């Protein structure tokens, strides 16, 4: 009878321990301090990983670079390819519809590219095409314009060498006053003259 009672108490103690985490004291054993099971540790918060474009990756292809960085006026240290790659030259030939244009036309210092909305845009410098100069949207005449109109009152056109090649307006002289006419170019979301830049097809 005592054995049965003792076993019953032992089983109940085990069940209590399982539910509460408290280690029971076995009858007849030396008394010990109750041991409390440690509380579960909350999981650590997930860390936010940097986008691939900012985590030390580099790109030697303009199209891969732009796809990664999204928008950039000029390539940074993450671009490790040539200043004007073969893919840029081929893209410009296609976009400008000049498949036989010589490679010298697109040499470094003449051709430029940038990223906008993960796409590649390129420009070739010309007499009146300042690729890397942002569009001038000001309607305030410059001192050079004022002088020109003083010397050429009523001139229907103020030439680009006076107005600057970045202006988007057709300037004229109303008597001796420089006046901005209609806009002759549109400005893209990065502030460049949209007429100068070509979106290049991916190779």
Protein backbone atom coordinates (compact mmCIF):
# COMPACT_ATOMS: atom_id res chain seq x y z
CA UNK A 1 0.00 0.00 0.00
CA UNK A 2 2.82 2.41 0.83
CA UNK A 3 4.59 1.59 -2.46
CA UNK A 4 1.44 2.30 -4.44
CA UNK A 5 0.92 5.61 -2.62
CA UNK A 6 4.54 6.60 -3.15
CA UNK A 7 4.38 5.80 -6.88
CA UNK A 8 1.19 7.82 -7.19
CA UNK A 9 2.80 10.84 -5.56
CA UNK A 10 5.84 10.47 -7.84
CA UNK A 11 3.73 10.38 -10.99
CA UNK A 12 1.77 13.46 -9.89
CA UNK A 13 5.05 15.26 -9.15
CA UNK A 14 6.37 14.49 -12.62
CA UNK A 15 3.18 15.84 -14.19
CA UNK A 16 3.40 19.00 -12.11
CA UNK A 17 7.03 19.46 -13.12
CA UNK A 18 6.19 19.06 -16.77
CA UNK A 19 3.48 21.72 -16.55
CA UNK A 20 5.23 24.27 -14.34
CA UNK A 21 8.93 23.76 -14.94
CA UNK A 22 9.46 23.24 -11.18
CA UNK A 23 11.65 20.31 -10.27
CA UNK A 24 9.96 18.42 -7.42
CA UNK A 25 11.69 17.15 -4.31
CA UNK A 26 11.59 13.39 -4.13
CA UNK A 27 10.41 12.10 -0.73
CA UNK A 28 13.36 11.06 1.32
CA UNK A 29 15.85 12.99 -0.80
CA UNK A 30 17.80 16.00 0.41
CA UNK A 31 15.75 19.17 0.05
CA UNK A 32 16.87 21.36 -2.84
CA UNK A 33 15.87 24.82 -3.96
CA UNK A 34 13.19 24.84 -6.60
CA UNK A 35 14.57 25.33 -10.09
CA UNK A 36 12.55 27.51 -12.48
CA UNK A 37 12.89 26.74 -16.17
CA UNK A 38 14.20 29.80 -18.05
CA UNK A 39 11.68 31.74 -20.07
CA UNK A 40 11.82 31.35 -23.82
CA UNK A 41 13.98 33.99 -25.50
CA UNK A 42 12.18 36.20 -28.01
CA UNK A 43 13.49 35.70 -31.55
CA UNK A 44 15.86 38.41 -32.77
CA UNK A 45 14.45 40.91 -35.23
CA UNK A 46 15.29 40.24 -38.86
CA UNK A 47 17.98 42.50 -40.22
CA UNK A 48 17.34 44.53 -43.36
CA UNK A 49 19.78 43.63 -46.09
CA UNK A 50 21.13 46.35 -48.33
CA UNK A 51 20.07 46.30 -51.97
CA UNK A 52 22.57 44.60 -54.22
CA UNK A 53 23.55 47.95 -55.74
CA UNK A 54 24.81 49.28 -52.39
CA UNK A 55 26.29 46.17 -50.84
CA UNK A 56 29.72 46.31 -52.46
CA UNK A 57 28.79 44.72 -55.78
CA UNK A 58 30.35 46.05 -58.97
CA UNK A 59 29.20 45.98 -62.58
CA UNK A 60 31.16 46.14 -65.82
CA UNK A 61 28.09 46.40 -68.05
CA UNK A 62 26.08 49.67 -68.18
CA UNK A 63 22.76 47.87 -68.52
CA UNK A 64 23.36 45.67 -65.47
CA UNK A 65 24.61 48.70 -63.55
CA UNK A 66 21.53 50.82 -64.35
CA UNK A 67 19.19 47.93 -63.57
CA UNK A 68 20.79 47.77 -60.12
CA UNK A 69 21.16 51.46 -59.20
CA UNK A 70 17.95 52.80 -60.77
CA UNK A 71 18.84 56.47 -61.36
CA UNK A 72 22.26 58.10 -61.51
CA UNK A 73 23.56 61.13 -63.42
CA UNK A 74 27.01 59.61 -63.78
CA UNK A 75 28.41 56.12 -63.07
CA UNK A 76 30.05 55.83 -59.64
CA UNK A 77 32.69 53.45 -58.29
CA UNK A 78 30.31 50.51 -58.60
CA UNK A 79 30.72 50.67 -62.38
CA UNK A 80 34.02 49.11 -63.39
CA UNK A 81 33.62 48.83 -67.17
CA UNK A 82 34.94 51.12 -69.91
CA UNK A 83 33.69 54.71 -70.07
CA UNK A 84 31.99 53.97 -73.39
CA UNK A 85 31.34 50.26 -73.77
CA UNK A 86 30.61 48.36 -76.97
CA UNK A 87 27.00 48.01 -75.82
CA UNK A 88 26.70 51.82 -75.53
CA UNK A 89 28.14 52.31 -79.03
CA UNK A 90 25.81 49.71 -80.51
CA UNK A 91 22.86 51.14 -78.60
CA UNK A 92 23.54 54.65 -79.89
CA UNK A 93 23.87 53.43 -83.45
CA UNK A 94 20.50 51.74 -83.14
CA UNK A 95 18.76 54.62 -81.35
CA UNK A 96 20.15 57.24 -83.76
CA UNK A 97 19.44 55.02 -86.76
CA UNK A 98 23.06 55.31 -87.90
CA UNK A 99 24.23 51.67 -88.07
CA UNK A 100 27.39 52.56 -90.01
CA UNK A 101 28.51 55.47 -87.84
CA UNK A 102 32.25 55.22 -87.05
CA UNK A 103 33.25 54.26 -83.55
CA UNK A 104 35.20 57.54 -83.20
CA UNK A 105 31.90 59.39 -83.10
CA UNK A 106 31.16 57.69 -79.78
CA UNK A 107 34.61 57.96 -78.24
CA UNK A 108 35.17 58.82 -74.59
CA UNK A 109 34.53 62.53 -74.10
CA UNK A 110 32.03 62.61 -76.97
CA UNK A 111 29.49 60.05 -75.79
CA UNK A 112 27.98 59.97 -72.32
CA UNK A 113 25.50 57.71 -70.60
CA UNK A 114 23.49 57.73 -67.39
CA UNK A 115 20.73 55.79 -65.66
CA UNK A 116 17.11 56.83 -65.32
CA UNK A 117 14.44 54.52 -63.89
CA UNK A 118 16.84 51.56 -64.31
CA UNK A 119 17.20 52.24 -68.03
CA UNK A 120 20.26 53.43 -69.96
CA UNK A 121 20.21 56.82 -71.68
CA UNK A 122 23.05 58.14 -73.85
CA UNK A 123 23.99 61.35 -75.60
CA UNK A 124 26.60 62.40 -78.18
CA UNK A 125 28.13 65.85 -77.91
CA UNK A 126 27.56 68.14 -80.88
CA UNK A 127 27.94 71.81 -81.78
CA UNK A 128 24.77 72.72 -79.88
CA UNK A 129 24.42 69.62 -77.72
CA UNK A 130 25.95 69.97 -74.25
CA UNK A 131 25.21 66.46 -73.04
CA UNK A 132 26.17 66.79 -69.39
CA UNK A 133 24.76 70.28 -68.85
CA UNK A 134 21.27 70.28 -67.38
CA UNK A 135 18.54 72.14 -69.20
CA UNK A 136 18.30 75.87 -68.53
CA UNK A 137 14.63 76.63 -67.85
CA UNK A 138 15.15 80.23 -66.70
CA UNK A 139 13.25 82.98 -68.51
CA UNK A 140 15.43 85.68 -67.01
CA UNK A 141 17.64 87.24 -69.71
CA UNK A 142 21.38 87.32 -69.14
CA UNK A 143 23.67 90.33 -69.49
CA UNK A 144 24.93 88.85 -72.77
CA UNK A 145 21.40 88.73 -74.15
CA UNK A 146 20.71 92.30 -73.06
CA UNK A 147 23.88 93.49 -74.78
CA UNK A 148 23.01 91.60 -77.96
CA UNK A 149 19.56 93.17 -78.10
CA UNK A 150 20.99 96.62 -77.45
CA UNK A 151 23.22 96.10 -80.48
CA UNK A 152 20.58 94.27 -82.54
CA UNK A 153 17.15 95.70 -81.60
CA UNK A 154 14.25 93.74 -83.04
CA UNK A 155 16.34 90.66 -83.86
CA UNK A 156 14.03 87.69 -84.39
CA UNK A 157 16.59 85.26 -83.02
CA UNK A 158 19.22 85.52 -80.33
CA UNK A 159 21.84 82.95 -81.35
CA UNK A 160 22.86 80.03 -79.16
CA UNK A 161 26.37 81.36 -78.58
CA UNK A 162 24.68 84.28 -76.77
CA UNK A 163 21.82 82.49 -74.99
CA UNK A 164 23.86 79.44 -74.03
CA UNK A 165 23.20 76.04 -75.51
CA UNK A 166 21.30 74.69 -72.51
CA UNK A 167 18.29 77.00 -72.73
CA UNK A 168 15.03 75.37 -73.75
CA UNK A 169 13.52 78.61 -75.15
CA UNK A 170 13.72 80.38 -78.47
CA UNK A 171 14.94 83.86 -77.51
CA UNK A 172 14.37 87.04 -79.53
CA UNK A 173 14.71 90.80 -79.12
CA UNK A 174 11.56 92.82 -78.68
CA UNK A 175 13.03 96.16 -79.60
CA UNK A 176 16.00 96.16 -77.20
CA UNK A 177 14.58 93.71 -74.68
CA UNK A 178 15.53 90.01 -74.67
CA UNK A 179 12.37 87.89 -74.57
CA UNK A 180 11.93 84.15 -74.09
CA UNK A 181 9.70 82.68 -76.76
CA UNK A 182 8.15 79.24 -76.87
CA UNK A 183 9.88 76.22 -75.38
CA UNK A 184 11.63 74.22 -78.08
CA UNK A 185 12.65 71.31 -75.85
CA UNK A 186 11.24 69.18 -73.06
CA UNK A 187 13.01 68.41 -69.80
CA UNK A 188 13.20 64.90 -68.42
CA UNK A 189 12.77 63.98 -64.76
CA UNK A 190 16.50 64.37 -64.09
CA UNK A 191 16.56 67.89 -65.52
CA UNK A 192 18.24 67.17 -68.85
CA UNK A 193 17.12 68.27 -72.30
CA UNK A 194 15.06 65.33 -73.48
CA UNK A 195 15.89 66.07 -77.13
CA UNK A 196 19.58 65.30 -76.59
CA UNK A 197 19.27 61.91 -74.92
CA UNK A 198 18.36 58.50 -76.35
CA UNK A 199 16.97 55.58 -74.40
CA UNK A 200 19.12 52.66 -75.47
CA UNK A 201 17.67 49.24 -76.18
CA UNK A 202 19.07 46.49 -74.00
CA UNK A 203 21.46 44.22 -75.92
